[in-house]
């Protein structure tokens, strides 16, 4: 390569860097809020397959020590395979301007091999569904005898929220809709901005492979403001959030409690991105928990309430708490 070509290449890289930086510097908090709101309204349902894993995997003995209680077993290599479909539905009980008016329906299946003490192992399969009112769960597994159990109950959204929060949806822009006060990220940012409790960076930072800007959500403490959350948005991906940091107060100040970080994104629409892998890091534990998509992520299939239901297989003993009865599903016979 000639000196002239080298100079031209370096010049092009400098121009691209300046362009990228100028994009970062030019966005205002109001523009960022608009981008968040647009992405939030664009996702109505999500379907994918993924693996959830623990780093490093625990042995049964280690897991029992960590929990301080007797544990049946742990998943082999710390990996659980998941199939998930989830869709938002309107909740008439939440119509105020702050909380999100939506909740999430769930249809999930998780499977893996459980390793217990003394080398015992078995395949475990759990299915769950929640249509917004009725919750069903089916579990098949156990050793030395396989146990088949089912449950039907009425549950509130609060009872089912954890399943969505720990799924890839909990890594997405809709994270705040399924945690805590159940508020959209755009709503939170708008409210905090109106009270001057938002601080937006004027330069980019590296978050994994992403070039991101940082937005701090602040808490007013007498004469100073301290961050209670830091949010990072990838400028290459239409300002999709790629890291959530949470801080807790301590005697020494505010320390990192945990972080939720996106490691990769998949395009699911025009200017719309969804996490395809990510990791949760606990500030006080050497353990980390992550997921990686093993299928294409599909949004907006038009899933309805009737799509969120599991059918119990034969041999499962079902406890129907709604009807107040127990029964065993019999195998269908053909004449």
Protein backbone atom coordinates (compact mmCIF):
# COMPACT_ATOMS: atom_id res chain seq x y z
CA UNK A 1 0.00 0.00 0.00
CA UNK A 2 1.40 3.41 -0.97
CA UNK A 3 1.84 6.27 1.45
CA UNK A 4 -0.93 8.08 -0.39
CA UNK A 5 -3.34 5.18 0.14
CA UNK A 6 -2.34 4.85 3.79
CA UNK A 7 -2.98 8.55 4.34
CA UNK A 8 -6.36 8.25 2.61
CA UNK A 9 -7.35 5.27 4.82
CA UNK A 10 -6.30 7.07 7.99
CA UNK A 11 -8.22 10.14 6.87
CA UNK A 12 -11.35 8.04 6.28
CA UNK A 13 -11.08 6.47 9.74
CA UNK A 14 -10.74 9.90 11.33
CA UNK A 15 -13.82 11.16 9.44
CA UNK A 16 -15.83 8.11 10.55
CA UNK A 17 -14.74 8.62 14.15
CA UNK A 18 -15.70 12.29 14.03
CA UNK A 19 -19.06 11.43 12.46
CA UNK A 20 -19.75 8.79 15.12
CA UNK A 21 -18.78 11.16 17.93
CA UNK A 22 -20.86 13.97 16.47
CA UNK A 23 -23.90 11.68 16.41
CA UNK A 24 -23.35 11.03 20.10
CA UNK A 25 -22.86 14.68 20.94
CA UNK A 26 -25.88 15.83 18.97
CA UNK A 27 -28.56 13.75 20.72
CA UNK A 28 -30.56 15.38 23.49
CA UNK A 29 -32.36 13.64 26.32
CA UNK A 30 -35.70 14.45 24.67
CA UNK A 31 -34.56 12.85 21.41
CA UNK A 32 -33.32 9.80 23.31
CA UNK A 33 -36.66 9.50 25.10
CA UNK A 34 -38.47 9.62 21.74
CA UNK A 35 -36.26 6.80 20.41
CA UNK A 36 -36.98 4.71 23.51
CA UNK A 37 -40.71 5.31 23.22
CA UNK A 38 -40.70 4.33 19.56
CA UNK A 39 -38.87 1.05 20.28
CA UNK A 40 -41.11 0.25 23.26
CA UNK A 41 -44.30 0.65 21.24
CA UNK A 42 -42.88 -1.41 18.35
CA UNK A 43 -42.64 -4.66 20.34
CA UNK A 44 -45.89 -6.43 21.22
CA UNK A 45 -44.76 -10.06 21.43
CA UNK A 46 -41.48 -11.98 21.35
CA UNK A 47 -40.67 -15.61 20.54
CA UNK A 48 -37.29 -17.36 20.66
CA UNK A 49 -35.28 -20.31 21.90
CA UNK A 50 -32.26 -19.73 24.12
CA UNK A 51 -29.91 -21.20 26.68
CA UNK A 52 -29.59 -19.82 30.20
CA UNK A 53 -26.29 -20.58 31.89
CA UNK A 54 -24.26 -20.00 35.07
CA UNK A 55 -20.58 -18.95 35.19
CA UNK A 56 -18.95 -20.91 36.71
CA UNK A 57 -21.34 -23.87 37.06
CA UNK A 58 -21.96 -25.07 40.62
CA UNK A 59 -21.69 -28.58 41.96
CA UNK A 60 -24.63 -29.80 44.10
CA UNK A 61 -22.44 -29.40 47.21
CA UNK A 62 -21.47 -25.82 46.29
CA UNK A 63 -25.08 -24.91 45.52
CA UNK A 64 -26.27 -26.24 48.88
CA UNK A 65 -23.58 -24.24 50.66
CA UNK A 66 -24.49 -21.06 48.76
CA UNK A 67 -28.19 -21.45 49.53
CA UNK A 68 -27.67 -22.61 53.08
CA UNK A 69 -30.33 -25.26 52.53
CA UNK A 70 -30.74 -28.74 51.13
CA UNK A 71 -30.88 -28.78 47.35
CA UNK A 72 -32.05 -31.60 45.10
CA UNK A 73 -29.53 -30.94 42.31
CA UNK A 74 -28.12 -28.52 39.74
CA UNK A 75 -28.30 -28.41 35.96
CA UNK A 76 -25.43 -30.11 34.13
CA UNK A 77 -22.81 -27.56 33.05
CA UNK A 78 -25.11 -24.89 34.50
CA UNK A 79 -27.15 -24.84 31.27
CA UNK A 80 -30.94 -24.82 30.88
CA UNK A 81 -32.58 -24.82 27.45
CA UNK A 82 -35.61 -22.57 26.99
CA UNK A 83 -38.40 -22.02 24.51
CA UNK A 84 -40.28 -18.79 25.13
CA UNK A 85 -43.22 -16.90 23.71
CA UNK A 86 -44.46 -13.83 25.54
CA UNK A 87 -46.91 -11.08 24.63
CA UNK A 88 -48.11 -7.85 26.17
CA UNK A 89 -51.76 -7.38 27.08
CA UNK A 90 -53.63 -4.33 28.31
CA UNK A 91 -54.30 -4.16 32.04
CA UNK A 92 -57.38 -2.02 32.80
CA UNK A 93 -56.21 -1.64 36.42
CA UNK A 94 -53.14 0.33 35.35
CA UNK A 95 -54.25 3.42 33.46
CA UNK A 96 -52.30 6.18 35.26
CA UNK A 97 -49.74 8.18 33.32
CA UNK A 98 -46.68 6.71 35.08
CA UNK A 99 -47.10 2.93 35.15
CA UNK A 100 -47.15 0.89 31.98
CA UNK A 101 -50.69 -0.19 31.05
CA UNK A 102 -49.37 -3.57 29.87
CA UNK A 103 -48.59 -6.93 31.41
CA UNK A 104 -47.07 -10.02 29.77
CA UNK A 105 -48.50 -13.42 28.92
CA UNK A 106 -46.08 -16.34 29.04
CA UNK A 107 -45.62 -19.70 27.34
CA UNK A 108 -42.33 -21.32 28.27
CA UNK A 109 -40.57 -24.63 28.26
CA UNK A 110 -37.25 -25.32 29.98
CA UNK A 111 -35.27 -28.54 29.93
CA UNK A 112 -31.94 -29.85 31.04
CA UNK A 113 -30.12 -32.62 32.83
CA UNK A 114 -30.05 -32.34 36.62
CA UNK A 115 -27.01 -33.65 38.50
CA UNK A 116 -27.50 -34.58 42.16
CA UNK A 117 -25.16 -35.81 44.83
CA UNK A 118 -23.50 -39.23 44.46
CA UNK A 119 -23.71 -39.08 40.68
CA UNK A 120 -27.48 -39.37 40.27
CA UNK A 121 -28.86 -37.56 37.23
CA UNK A 122 -32.10 -37.23 35.29
CA UNK A 123 -33.69 -35.18 32.51
CA UNK A 124 -36.02 -32.46 33.70
CA UNK A 125 -38.78 -30.79 31.68
CA UNK A 126 -40.90 -27.89 32.96
CA UNK A 127 -43.63 -26.12 31.02
CA UNK A 128 -45.47 -22.99 32.15
CA UNK A 129 -48.24 -20.86 30.73
CA UNK A 130 -49.94 -17.70 31.92
CA UNK A 131 -52.71 -16.17 29.81
CA UNK A 132 -53.18 -13.10 31.98
CA UNK A 133 -55.43 -14.86 34.46
CA UNK A 134 -54.84 -18.62 34.63
CA UNK A 135 -51.44 -20.11 35.38
CA UNK A 136 -50.47 -23.67 34.49
CA UNK A 137 -47.31 -25.60 35.24
CA UNK A 138 -46.20 -29.07 34.24
CA UNK A 139 -43.07 -30.77 35.64
CA UNK A 140 -41.66 -34.13 34.58
CA UNK A 141 -38.45 -35.48 36.11
CA UNK A 142 -36.87 -36.99 39.18
CA UNK A 143 -34.81 -39.92 40.34
CA UNK A 144 -34.95 -42.84 40.93
CA UNK A 145 -38.63 -42.52 39.96
CA UNK A 146 -39.83 -39.88 37.54
CA UNK A 147 -42.45 -37.58 39.04
CA UNK A 148 -45.14 -36.02 36.85
CA UNK A 149 -47.01 -33.12 38.39
CA UNK A 150 -49.26 -30.33 37.16
CA UNK A 151 -50.75 -27.18 38.63
CA UNK A 152 -53.64 -24.92 37.63
CA UNK A 153 -54.20 -21.72 39.58
CA UNK A 154 -55.26 -18.11 39.35
CA UNK A 155 -52.25 -15.88 39.72
CA UNK A 156 -51.65 -12.18 39.64
CA UNK A 157 -49.18 -10.64 37.26
CA UNK A 158 -46.83 -10.12 40.21
CA UNK A 159 -46.59 -13.88 40.72
CA UNK A 160 -45.51 -14.45 37.11
CA UNK A 161 -43.36 -11.34 36.59
CA UNK A 162 -40.10 -13.03 37.57
CA UNK A 163 -40.30 -15.48 34.66
CA UNK A 164 -40.31 -12.58 32.20
CA UNK A 165 -37.71 -10.48 34.02
CA UNK A 166 -35.12 -13.29 33.94
CA UNK A 167 -35.80 -14.02 30.27
CA UNK A 168 -34.21 -12.11 27.35
CA UNK A 169 -37.04 -9.57 27.72
CA UNK A 170 -35.34 -8.52 30.95
CA UNK A 171 -32.27 -7.54 28.90
CA UNK A 172 -34.28 -5.48 26.42
CA UNK A 173 -35.59 -1.93 26.35
CA UNK A 174 -38.71 -3.29 28.07
CA UNK A 175 -36.80 -4.28 31.21
CA UNK A 176 -38.35 -1.59 33.39
CA UNK A 177 -41.82 -2.68 32.31
CA UNK A 178 -41.34 -6.06 33.98
CA UNK A 179 -39.45 -5.03 37.12
CA UNK A 180 -39.99 -2.94 40.20
CA UNK A 181 -42.52 -0.21 39.63
CA UNK A 182 -43.38 -1.52 36.14
CA UNK A 183 -42.68 1.67 34.24
CA UNK A 184 -41.52 2.15 30.68
CA UNK A 185 -37.95 3.38 30.30
CA UNK A 186 -39.11 6.40 28.30
CA UNK A 187 -41.56 7.35 31.06
CA UNK A 188 -38.89 7.02 33.74
CA UNK A 189 -36.42 9.16 31.80
CA UNK A 190 -39.05 11.81 31.05
CA UNK A 191 -40.08 12.07 34.70
CA UNK A 192 -36.50 12.28 35.96
CA UNK A 193 -35.56 14.80 33.27
CA UNK A 194 -38.41 17.08 34.37
CA UNK A 195 -36.81 17.15 37.84
CA UNK A 196 -33.26 17.64 36.49
CA UNK A 197 -32.31 14.20 37.75
CA UNK A 198 -30.84 12.99 34.45
CA UNK A 199 -27.22 13.41 33.37
CA UNK A 200 -26.28 12.46 29.81
CA UNK A 201 -22.66 11.96 28.76
CA UNK A 202 -21.08 14.01 26.00
CA UNK A 203 -18.73 11.26 24.82
CA UNK A 204 -18.83 7.59 23.92
CA UNK A 205 -17.79 4.65 26.10
CA UNK A 206 -17.07 1.05 25.17
CA UNK A 207 -19.59 -1.50 26.43
CA UNK A 208 -18.35 -4.80 25.07
CA UNK A 209 -18.34 -4.35 21.30
CA UNK A 210 -20.69 -1.37 21.44
CA UNK A 211 -19.92 2.34 21.30
CA UNK A 212 -22.36 3.75 23.82
CA UNK A 213 -23.43 6.87 25.63
CA UNK A 214 -24.13 6.82 29.34
CA UNK A 215 -27.22 8.28 30.98
CA UNK A 216 -27.24 8.57 34.76
CA UNK A 217 -30.45 8.52 36.77
CA UNK A 218 -29.72 10.64 39.82
CA UNK A 219 -30.85 10.87 43.41
CA UNK A 220 -30.86 14.25 45.14
CA UNK A 221 -29.05 14.12 48.48
CA UNK A 222 -29.11 17.52 50.15
CA UNK A 223 -26.38 19.44 48.34
CA UNK A 224 -25.32 16.76 45.85
CA UNK A 225 -26.67 14.37 43.27
CA UNK A 226 -25.55 10.75 43.09
CA UNK A 227 -26.31 8.11 40.43
CA UNK A 228 -28.62 5.25 41.41
CA UNK A 229 -28.69 3.81 37.88
CA UNK A 230 -26.49 4.10 34.85
CA UNK A 231 -27.93 3.24 31.45
CA UNK A 232 -25.82 2.74 28.33
CA UNK A 233 -27.21 3.10 24.79
CA UNK A 234 -25.50 1.82 21.63
CA UNK A 235 -25.21 4.61 19.08
CA UNK A 236 -24.68 2.08 16.24
CA UNK A 237 -28.03 0.45 17.02
CA UNK A 238 -30.43 3.38 17.11
CA UNK A 239 -29.64 3.95 20.80
CA UNK A 240 -30.79 0.54 21.98
CA UNK A 241 -29.92 0.04 25.68
CA UNK A 242 -27.01 -2.40 26.13
CA UNK A 243 -26.22 -2.13 29.84
CA UNK A 244 -28.17 -1.40 33.03
CA UNK A 245 -26.23 -0.67 36.21
CA UNK A 246 -27.85 -0.51 39.66
CA UNK A 247 -26.28 1.13 42.72
CA UNK A 248 -27.01 0.62 46.42
CA UNK A 249 -26.19 3.04 49.25
CA UNK A 250 -23.44 1.94 51.65
CA UNK A 251 -21.52 3.59 54.46
CA UNK A 252 -18.78 4.41 51.97
CA UNK A 253 -21.18 5.78 49.37
CA UNK A 254 -23.01 4.20 46.45
CA UNK A 255 -21.64 0.90 45.16
CA UNK A 256 -22.57 -1.26 42.19
CA UNK A 257 -25.25 -3.78 43.17
CA UNK A 258 -25.59 -5.60 39.86
CA UNK A 259 -25.39 -5.03 36.14
CA UNK A 260 -27.40 -6.39 33.21
CA UNK A 261 -25.34 -6.26 30.02
CA UNK A 262 -26.27 -7.09 26.45
CA UNK A 263 -23.47 -8.85 24.56
CA UNK A 264 -25.08 -8.98 21.12
CA UNK A 265 -28.15 -7.65 19.33
CA UNK A 266 -30.29 -9.01 16.50
CA UNK A 267 -32.18 -6.84 14.05
CA UNK A 268 -35.93 -7.55 14.39
CA UNK A 269 -37.27 -4.64 12.35
CA UNK A 270 -36.41 -1.36 10.70
CA UNK A 271 -34.16 0.37 13.23
CA UNK A 272 -35.35 -2.09 15.89
CA UNK A 273 -32.98 -4.38 17.78
CA UNK A 274 -33.44 -7.10 20.40
CA UNK A 275 -30.83 -8.77 22.67
CA UNK A 276 -29.54 -12.11 21.39
CA UNK A 277 -27.11 -12.70 24.27
CA UNK A 278 -26.33 -11.08 27.58
CA UNK A 279 -25.08 -11.54 31.11
CA UNK A 280 -26.11 -10.52 34.64
CA UNK A 281 -23.28 -9.72 37.04
CA UNK A 282 -23.80 -9.54 40.79
CA UNK A 283 -21.55 -6.98 42.43
CA UNK A 284 -21.12 -9.14 45.54
CA UNK A 285 -20.82 -12.59 43.97
CA UNK A 286 -18.29 -14.29 41.69
CA UNK A 287 -21.22 -15.89 39.86
CA UNK A 288 -22.62 -14.55 36.61
CA UNK A 289 -25.80 -15.57 34.79
CA UNK A 290 -26.24 -15.29 31.06
CA UNK A 291 -28.30 -16.23 28.05
CA UNK A 292 -27.65 -16.82 24.37
CA UNK A 293 -30.30 -17.15 21.68
CA UNK A 294 -30.25 -20.46 19.81
CA UNK A 295 -32.93 -19.51 17.28
CA UNK A 296 -34.02 -16.49 15.31
CA UNK A 297 -35.82 -13.91 17.45
CA UNK A 298 -39.31 -13.19 16.13
CA UNK A 299 -41.40 -10.22 17.23
CA UNK A 300 -45.02 -9.33 16.57
CA UNK A 301 -46.40 -12.71 15.48
CA UNK A 302 -49.81 -11.49 16.63
CA UNK A 303 -50.08 -13.92 19.55
CA UNK A 304 -53.49 -14.07 21.26
CA UNK A 305 -54.67 -15.15 24.70
CA UNK A 306 -55.54 -18.64 23.46
CA UNK A 307 -51.91 -19.15 22.36
CA UNK A 308 -50.81 -19.21 26.00
CA UNK A 309 -51.87 -22.60 27.26
CA UNK A 310 -50.19 -25.93 27.95
CA UNK A 311 -51.81 -29.33 27.61
CA UNK A 312 -50.94 -31.83 30.33
CA UNK A 313 -49.57 -35.11 29.04
CA UNK A 314 -50.90 -38.46 30.17
CA UNK A 315 -49.82 -39.66 33.58
CA UNK A 316 -49.49 -36.20 35.10
CA UNK A 317 -51.17 -35.69 38.46
CA UNK A 318 -52.83 -32.28 38.34
CA UNK A 319 -53.75 -30.09 41.28
CA UNK A 320 -56.49 -27.77 40.04
CA UNK A 321 -56.71 -25.04 42.66
CA UNK A 322 -59.43 -23.21 40.74
CA UNK A 323 -61.82 -26.17 40.61
CA UNK A 324 -60.64 -27.50 43.98
CA UNK A 325 -59.82 -31.00 42.79
CA UNK A 326 -56.96 -33.32 41.90
CA UNK A 327 -56.85 -35.80 39.06
CA UNK A 328 -54.45 -37.81 36.90
CA UNK A 329 -54.53 -37.28 33.15
CA UNK A 330 -55.38 -40.56 31.48
CA UNK A 331 -53.88 -41.71 28.23
CA UNK A 332 -56.17 -41.21 25.25
CA UNK A 333 -57.44 -44.36 23.64
CA UNK A 334 -58.44 -44.83 20.02
CA UNK A 335 -61.25 -47.09 19.01
